[in-house]
Amino acid sequence: MFSCLFLLVSFLNILRSLHVSACDYSCPDKPVMTPSRLVVKFGDPASATCVACQQTCFPLDDSVINMEASLGTPHKNGSTVTWTVNQMTEWDLTPKCYYTTIMNDQCCTDLPVTVYKPPESVSFSLNPSGPLIEGSEVTLQCDVQNVAPAENLIVTFYRGHTLLGLVKSSNTAKKPVNDLLSMSYNSTKEDNGVQFWCEAKLELGAEGPQPPLVVKSKETTATVYYGPELKVPVDPAPISIIRGGPLHLTCLAEGNPKPRYNWTLPSNRGHISVTDLKIDSVDFQDGGQYVCTASNIVNSVSVRFDVTVQENFIPYIVGAVVIAAVVILIAAGVIYTFYYKQNKMGKYQLKDVFRLGSMNPTTIPLC
């Protein structure tokens, strides 16, 4: 009888000393891990402590308490196990602390371990890389090299100091990978000359480095092509100019690339490629419609000037005034000669001169 009881106890001790894979993670007195989650940089040391049995279990010997891991060394002290790693050289491991009850139930707790590596480099690019066309869709790309774990990687895109958006990696690899994250963006003419860039951040939670690890890219200056925009009135008022006067028409537009200008002259008299059209002295054939077209590889815009050339009547008016003045002066002289002298100074005949001697001196008219 005694021998049978001894064999039974020995068998139960053997069962308790065996590690079985069927862990109970819902047992009432679970092992407690400190920390509950471990975040460690690849190549760094790490450690954790497990209190295997705290309240309801019976005193256990060392054979039924342990910590299982593919890396590191466990050190047992009663119901406490300390697990240490001198250098973290594995990317995917989950240490497990367990104990086996007298009823041969195995109570377990896992220690989640996140092994990380900061990005080796981060670079930003535009796709397409050449000059963008206003209103076109462009892809902003952030290339993150040699980072782990990628599932904790978040990329933020910036336009100058303005945040454009965040993109989270969908890669679940534990080991370091190269990851290209992107987002779509609609370009505008205001983006011309603006610097775009991105930053990569490993969000490892409260157990990870604080603040989170951030690596920034270099800035890329965008070149955006946009069509010309007139800097003069689109529908200018008609222009009336006196024949012989100067004509100055201005056509100015802003665009990228810099617009080219082409003037169409009235009556299809030719074309001129200048910004300002100048005619020192206009004639009647210079009247009509002038069309200026500003164009680049994106678009073109036009402005029309209606010019009317009128005869210069001022010389005729001045001539008429001068003639009238001369006529008036001549008429005044004639009137003076034939009216004033005749009526005021008297009228004499030659025969009256010979009669002066026989006339009474008192009757001689005075001059």
Protein backbone atom coordinates (compact mmCIF):
# COMPACT_ATOMS: atom_id res chain seq x y z
CA MET A 1 0.00 0.00 0.00
CA PHE A 2 2.76 2.42 0.91
CA SER A 3 4.65 1.60 -2.24
CA CYS A 4 1.60 2.34 -4.40
CA LEU A 5 1.13 5.73 -2.74
CA PHE A 6 4.80 6.54 -3.30
CA LEU A 7 4.52 5.65 -6.96
CA LEU A 8 1.43 7.85 -7.33
CA VAL A 9 3.12 10.87 -5.76
CA SER A 10 6.24 10.32 -7.85
CA PHE A 11 4.11 10.15 -11.00
CA LEU A 12 2.33 13.39 -10.11
CA ASN A 13 5.69 15.10 -9.49
CA ILE A 14 6.92 13.92 -12.88
CA LEU A 15 3.79 15.32 -14.56
CA ARG A 16 4.23 18.62 -12.79
CA SER A 17 7.87 18.82 -13.88
CA LEU A 18 6.96 18.36 -17.53
CA HIS A 19 6.27 21.44 -19.67
CA VAL A 20 3.05 21.00 -21.55
CA SER A 21 1.94 23.23 -24.39
CA ALA A 22 -1.70 23.52 -23.35
CA CYS A 23 -1.49 26.70 -21.32
CA ASP A 24 -4.41 28.08 -19.38
CA TYR A 25 -4.41 31.85 -19.80
CA SER A 26 -7.63 32.29 -17.82
CA CYS A 27 -6.59 30.76 -14.53
CA PRO A 28 -7.55 32.85 -11.46
CA ASP A 29 -4.00 33.27 -10.19
CA LYS A 30 -2.09 34.05 -13.33
CA PRO A 31 1.64 34.80 -13.33
CA VAL A 32 2.29 38.55 -13.29
CA MET A 33 4.92 40.00 -15.63
CA THR A 34 6.81 43.19 -14.94
CA PRO A 35 6.79 45.05 -17.27
CA SER A 36 3.60 43.76 -18.86
CA ARG A 37 5.04 44.69 -22.30
CA LEU A 38 8.69 44.98 -23.21
CA VAL A 39 10.02 47.36 -25.87
CA VAL A 40 13.73 47.00 -26.60
CA LYS A 41 16.07 48.21 -29.32
CA PHE A 42 17.78 45.52 -31.34
CA GLY A 43 21.20 44.80 -29.81
CA ASP A 44 20.37 46.30 -26.40
CA PRO A 45 20.04 44.33 -23.13
CA ALA A 46 16.62 43.54 -21.66
CA SER A 47 15.07 42.00 -18.56
CA ALA A 48 11.69 41.16 -17.05
CA THR A 49 10.38 39.67 -13.81
CA CYS A 50 7.61 37.13 -13.33
CA VAL A 51 5.84 36.34 -10.07
CA ALA A 52 4.46 32.90 -10.88
CA CYS A 53 2.09 32.29 -8.00
CA GLN A 54 0.76 34.93 -5.64
CA GLN A 55 -2.34 33.79 -3.76
CA THR A 56 -4.17 30.55 -4.44
CA CYS A 57 -1.49 28.09 -5.40
CA PHE A 58 0.32 25.81 -3.01
CA PRO A 59 4.04 26.24 -2.38
CA LEU A 60 5.76 24.91 -5.44
CA ASP A 61 9.26 23.68 -6.05
CA ASP A 62 11.55 25.00 -8.74
CA SER A 63 10.67 22.21 -11.11
CA VAL A 64 7.17 23.53 -11.79
CA ILE A 65 7.97 27.27 -12.11
CA ASN A 66 9.86 28.61 -15.07
CA MET A 67 10.09 31.15 -17.83
CA GLU A 68 10.39 29.92 -21.37
CA ALA A 69 12.07 31.95 -24.14
CA SER A 70 14.23 31.30 -27.20
CA LEU A 71 16.76 33.84 -25.95
CA GLY A 72 18.03 34.85 -22.52
CA THR A 73 18.43 33.16 -19.15
CA PRO A 74 15.81 32.69 -16.40
CA HIS A 75 16.81 32.94 -12.73
CA LYS A 76 14.37 31.44 -10.22
CA ASN A 77 13.94 32.51 -6.63
CA GLY A 78 10.94 30.82 -5.02
CA SER A 79 7.89 31.80 -7.06
CA THR A 80 9.72 34.66 -8.79
CA VAL A 81 11.56 34.28 -12.07
CA THR A 82 13.86 36.95 -13.52
CA TRP A 83 14.58 36.75 -17.22
CA THR A 84 17.62 38.60 -18.59
CA VAL A 85 19.05 39.09 -22.07
CA ASN A 86 22.53 40.50 -22.51
CA GLN A 87 21.95 41.48 -26.13
CA MET A 88 18.67 41.34 -28.02
CA THR A 89 19.52 39.51 -31.25
CA GLU A 90 16.10 38.14 -32.22
CA TRP A 91 13.25 40.01 -33.87
CA ASP A 92 10.30 37.82 -32.98
CA LEU A 93 10.06 36.23 -29.56
CA THR A 94 7.40 35.89 -26.86
CA PRO A 95 8.72 34.82 -23.45
CA LYS A 96 6.25 32.79 -21.40
CA CYS A 97 6.07 32.51 -17.64
CA TYR A 98 4.20 29.51 -16.23
CA TYR A 99 3.68 27.26 -13.29
CA THR A 100 2.01 23.86 -12.92
CA THR A 101 -0.50 23.26 -10.16
CA ILE A 102 -0.80 20.08 -8.10
CA MET A 103 -3.77 19.23 -10.33
CA ASN A 104 -1.39 19.31 -13.30
CA ASP A 105 -2.95 22.47 -14.76
CA GLN A 106 -0.48 24.82 -16.38
CA CYS A 107 -1.15 28.53 -15.76
CA CYS A 108 0.63 30.85 -18.20
CA THR A 109 1.26 34.51 -19.00
CA ASP A 110 3.01 35.75 -22.13
CA LEU A 111 5.33 38.74 -22.26
CA PRO A 112 4.81 40.73 -25.49
CA VAL A 113 8.20 41.91 -26.76
CA THR A 114 8.64 44.56 -29.45
CA VAL A 115 12.12 44.68 -30.91
CA TYR A 116 12.67 47.85 -32.89
CA LYS A 117 15.22 49.51 -35.12
CA PRO A 118 14.97 53.23 -36.00
CA PRO A 119 14.88 54.12 -39.72
CA GLU A 120 18.29 54.12 -41.28
CA SER A 121 17.28 56.89 -43.68
CA VAL A 122 14.18 58.71 -44.91
CA SER A 123 13.82 60.35 -48.33
CA PHE A 124 11.00 62.28 -49.99
CA SER A 125 10.07 62.33 -53.68
CA LEU A 126 7.34 63.47 -56.05
CA ASN A 127 5.81 61.22 -58.67
CA PRO A 128 6.03 62.39 -61.40
CA SER A 129 9.34 63.96 -60.52
CA GLY A 130 9.37 66.55 -63.33
CA PRO A 131 7.54 69.87 -63.35
CA LEU A 132 3.93 69.49 -62.25
CA ILE A 133 0.98 70.89 -64.15
CA GLU A 134 -1.47 73.02 -62.20
CA GLY A 135 -4.49 70.95 -61.15
CA SER A 136 -2.82 67.60 -61.84
CA GLU A 137 -2.65 64.82 -59.28
CA VAL A 138 0.78 64.04 -57.87
CA THR A 139 1.89 61.27 -55.53
CA LEU A 140 3.89 62.26 -52.46
CA GLN A 141 6.28 59.45 -51.56
CA CYS A 142 8.25 58.78 -48.39
CA ASP A 143 10.88 56.06 -48.65
CA VAL A 144 11.87 54.63 -45.26
CA GLN A 145 14.93 52.40 -45.22
CA ASN A 146 15.75 49.54 -42.85
CA VAL A 147 13.12 50.03 -40.13
CA ALA A 148 11.47 47.60 -37.72
CA PRO A 149 8.79 46.78 -36.86
CA ALA A 150 7.07 48.31 -39.90
CA GLU A 151 3.60 47.94 -38.36
CA ASN A 152 4.54 50.69 -35.90
CA LEU A 153 5.69 53.03 -38.64
CA ILE A 154 3.74 56.24 -39.30
CA VAL A 155 4.74 58.71 -42.01
CA THR A 156 3.69 62.38 -41.99
CA PHE A 157 3.74 64.53 -45.13
CA TYR A 158 4.32 68.29 -45.02
CA ARG A 159 3.94 71.25 -47.38
CA GLY A 160 6.28 73.81 -45.87
CA HIS A 161 5.10 73.91 -42.24
CA THR A 162 1.60 72.66 -43.09
CA LEU A 163 0.74 69.07 -42.25
CA LEU A 164 -0.89 67.37 -45.23
CA GLY A 165 -1.65 63.92 -43.83
CA LEU A 166 -0.50 60.81 -42.00
CA VAL A 167 -0.08 57.34 -43.48
CA LYS A 168 0.36 54.17 -41.40
CA SER A 169 2.31 51.24 -42.75
CA SER A 170 0.43 48.03 -43.49
CA ASN A 171 3.59 45.92 -43.44
CA THR A 172 3.55 43.31 -40.63
CA ALA A 173 7.16 42.15 -40.92
CA LYS A 174 9.06 41.92 -37.65
CA LYS A 175 12.49 42.17 -39.21
CA PRO A 176 13.83 45.42 -40.77
CA VAL A 177 12.33 46.29 -44.14
CA ASN A 178 12.29 49.13 -46.65
CA ASP A 179 8.84 50.67 -46.83
CA LEU A 180 7.48 53.19 -49.34
CA LEU A 181 4.45 55.10 -48.11
CA SER A 182 2.55 57.57 -50.25
CA MET A 183 -0.46 59.86 -50.52
CA SER A 184 -2.18 61.71 -53.38
CA TYR A 185 -2.13 65.48 -53.69
CA ASN A 186 -3.64 67.94 -56.20
CA SER A 187 -1.11 70.57 -57.24
CA THR A 188 -1.90 74.28 -57.50
CA LYS A 189 0.07 77.20 -58.87
CA GLU A 190 0.70 78.32 -55.27
CA ASP A 191 2.81 75.16 -54.82
CA ASN A 192 5.44 76.48 -57.23
CA GLY A 193 8.65 77.01 -55.27
CA VAL A 194 7.20 75.45 -52.08
CA GLN A 195 9.21 72.83 -50.20
CA PHE A 196 7.68 69.42 -49.51
CA TRP A 197 9.07 66.81 -47.13
CA CYS A 198 8.15 63.91 -44.84
CA GLU A 199 9.08 62.39 -41.53
CA ALA A 200 8.98 58.79 -40.33
CA LYS A 201 8.00 57.99 -36.75
CA LEU A 202 7.99 54.74 -34.77
CA GLU A 203 4.96 54.81 -32.46
CA LEU A 204 5.96 52.21 -29.84
CA GLY A 205 3.54 53.19 -27.09
CA ALA A 206 4.18 54.26 -23.53
CA GLU A 207 6.80 51.53 -23.05
CA GLY A 208 8.84 52.84 -26.01
CA PRO A 209 11.15 55.84 -26.27
CA GLN A 210 9.60 59.18 -25.31
CA PRO A 211 9.22 61.26 -27.35
CA PRO A 212 8.77 58.78 -30.21
CA LEU A 213 11.65 58.25 -32.61
CA VAL A 214 11.37 60.63 -35.58
CA VAL A 215 13.59 60.80 -38.68
CA LYS A 216 13.06 63.62 -41.19
CA SER A 217 13.73 63.68 -44.92
CA LYS A 218 15.38 66.45 -46.90
CA GLU A 219 13.10 69.05 -48.47
CA THR A 220 12.13 68.93 -52.14
CA THR A 221 11.19 72.14 -53.94
CA ALA A 222 8.22 71.71 -56.26
CA THR A 223 8.05 73.23 -59.74
CA VAL A 224 4.49 73.79 -60.96
CA TYR A 225 3.66 74.93 -64.48
CA TYR A 226 0.51 77.04 -64.84
CA GLY A 227 -1.10 78.92 -67.69
CA PRO A 228 -0.75 82.70 -68.23
CA GLU A 229 -2.99 85.05 -66.27
CA LEU A 230 -3.46 88.57 -67.65
CA LYS A 231 -2.29 91.47 -65.49
CA VAL A 232 -4.14 93.97 -67.69
CA PRO A 233 -7.94 94.36 -68.14
CA VAL A 234 -9.38 91.48 -70.14
CA ASP A 235 -11.85 93.78 -71.96
CA PRO A 236 -10.18 97.20 -72.28
CA ALA A 237 -12.18 100.27 -73.33
CA PRO A 238 -11.97 101.42 -76.97
CA ILE A 239 -9.04 103.71 -77.73
CA SER A 240 -9.45 106.88 -79.82
CA ILE A 241 -6.28 108.59 -80.94
CA ILE A 242 -5.50 111.64 -83.11
CA ARG A 243 -3.64 111.04 -86.33
CA GLY A 244 0.05 111.70 -85.82
CA GLY A 245 -0.09 110.97 -82.10
CA PRO A 246 1.76 108.08 -80.33
CA LEU A 247 0.15 104.70 -79.60
CA HIS A 248 1.29 102.57 -76.64
CA LEU A 249 -0.42 99.21 -75.88
CA THR A 250 0.68 97.01 -72.98
CA CYS A 251 0.12 93.26 -72.75
CA LEU A 252 1.32 91.65 -69.52
CA ALA A 253 0.65 88.18 -68.10
CA GLU A 254 2.01 85.96 -65.35
CA GLY A 255 2.64 82.25 -65.86
CA ASN A 256 5.15 79.43 -65.52
CA PRO A 257 7.03 78.97 -67.79
CA LYS A 258 7.28 82.67 -68.60
CA PRO A 259 4.70 83.52 -71.28
CA ARG A 260 5.59 84.40 -74.86
CA TYR A 261 3.75 87.32 -76.50
CA ASN A 262 2.41 87.69 -80.01
CA TRP A 263 0.58 90.70 -81.44
CA THR A 264 -1.77 90.41 -84.42
CA LEU A 265 -1.99 93.78 -86.19
CA PRO A 266 -5.08 95.25 -87.88
CA SER A 267 -6.03 93.98 -91.35
CA ASN A 268 -3.58 91.05 -90.98
CA ARG A 269 -0.62 93.36 -91.49
CA GLY A 270 1.72 91.04 -89.63
CA HIS A 271 2.75 89.83 -86.17
CA ILE A 272 5.02 91.29 -83.48
CA SER A 273 6.49 89.39 -80.54
CA VAL A 274 6.87 92.03 -77.82
CA THR A 275 5.29 92.87 -74.49
CA ASP A 276 4.66 96.56 -75.26
CA LEU A 277 3.57 97.70 -78.72
CA LYS A 278 4.57 101.28 -79.57
CA ILE A 279 3.89 103.44 -82.64
CA ASP A 280 5.40 106.92 -82.51
CA SER A 281 3.05 108.50 -85.07
CA VAL A 282 -0.16 106.75 -86.05
CA ASP A 283 -1.90 107.06 -89.39
CA PHE A 284 -5.31 105.93 -90.58
CA GLN A 285 -4.00 102.45 -91.54
CA ASP A 286 -2.99 101.94 -87.88
CA GLY A 287 -6.61 101.92 -86.76
CA GLY A 288 -8.42 98.64 -86.10
CA GLN A 289 -8.20 95.67 -83.72
CA TYR A 290 -4.93 94.70 -82.03
CA VAL A 291 -4.90 91.20 -80.48
CA CYS A 292 -2.21 90.22 -77.97
CA THR A 293 -1.84 86.52 -77.13
CA ALA A 294 0.24 85.37 -74.14
CA SER A 295 1.01 81.65 -74.20
CA ASN A 296 3.14 78.91 -72.66
CA ILE A 297 3.09 75.09 -72.77
CA VAL A 298 0.07 75.00 -70.44
CA ASN A 299 -2.39 77.46 -71.96
CA SER A 300 -2.86 80.79 -73.72
CA VAL A 301 -4.93 83.93 -73.12
CA SER A 302 -5.73 86.89 -75.38
CA VAL A 303 -6.68 90.54 -74.98
CA ARG A 304 -8.14 92.75 -77.75
CA PHE A 305 -7.66 96.50 -78.20
CA ASP A 306 -9.97 98.47 -80.51
CA VAL A 307 -8.13 101.54 -81.82
CA THR A 308 -9.75 104.37 -83.82
CA VAL A 309 -7.56 106.97 -85.57
CA GLN A 310 -9.18 110.39 -86.06
CA GLU A 311 -8.11 113.28 -88.26
CA ASN A 312 -6.22 116.08 -86.53
CA PHE A 313 -8.42 119.16 -87.08
CA ILE A 314 -6.36 121.50 -84.93
CA PRO A 315 -4.13 122.77 -87.77
CA TYR A 316 -7.23 123.49 -89.86
CA ILE A 317 -8.86 125.30 -86.98
CA VAL A 318 -5.71 127.30 -86.30
CA GLY A 319 -5.41 128.12 -90.02
CA ALA A 320 -9.03 129.17 -90.17
CA VAL A 321 -8.58 131.38 -87.12
CA VAL A 322 -5.47 132.96 -88.63
CA ILE A 323 -7.22 133.59 -91.98
CA ALA A 324 -10.23 135.04 -90.21
CA ALA A 325 -7.96 137.31 -88.19
CA VAL A 326 -6.18 138.51 -91.35
CA VAL A 327 -9.48 139.14 -93.08
CA ILE A 328 -10.72 141.05 -90.08
CA LEU A 329 -7.54 143.18 -90.00
CA ILE A 330 -7.74 143.91 -93.70
CA ALA A 331 -11.41 144.83 -93.44
CA ALA A 332 -10.63 147.06 -90.51
CA GLY A 333 -7.91 148.83 -92.53
CA VAL A 334 -10.22 149.38 -95.48
CA ILE A 335 -12.96 150.72 -93.27
CA TYR A 336 -10.50 153.02 -91.59
CA THR A 337 -9.16 154.32 -94.90
CA PHE A 338 -12.43 154.88 -96.69
CA TYR A 339 -14.63 155.90 -93.83
CA TYR A 340 -12.63 157.61 -91.16
CA LYS A 341 -10.45 159.79 -93.42
CA GLN A 342 -13.30 160.71 -95.71
CA ASN A 343 -15.66 161.85 -93.02
CA LYS A 344 -13.24 163.28 -90.52
CA MET A 345 -10.55 164.90 -92.70
CA GLY A 346 -12.66 166.13 -95.68
CA LYS A 347 -12.53 165.66 -99.48
CA TYR A 348 -10.50 168.03 -101.84
CA GLN A 349 -10.25 168.61 -105.62
CA LEU A 350 -7.34 170.14 -107.61
CA LYS A 351 -9.30 173.14 -108.98
CA ASP A 352 -10.05 174.25 -105.44
CA VAL A 353 -6.35 174.79 -104.83
CA PHE A 354 -6.17 177.51 -107.51
CA ARG A 355 -9.11 179.26 -106.04
CA LEU A 356 -7.42 179.72 -102.70
CA GLY A 357 -6.00 183.12 -103.62
CA SER A 358 -9.35 184.67 -104.39
CA MET A 359 -11.03 183.30 -101.39
CA ASN A 360 -11.44 185.14 -98.18
CA PRO A 361 -8.84 183.95 -95.77
CA THR A 362 -11.43 183.38 -93.23
CA THR A 363 -13.13 180.82 -95.46
CA ILE A 364 -10.04 178.72 -96.07
CA PRO A 365 -10.64 175.40 -94.37
CA LEU A 366 -8.19 174.49 -91.68
CA CYS A 367 -6.32 171.27 -91.98
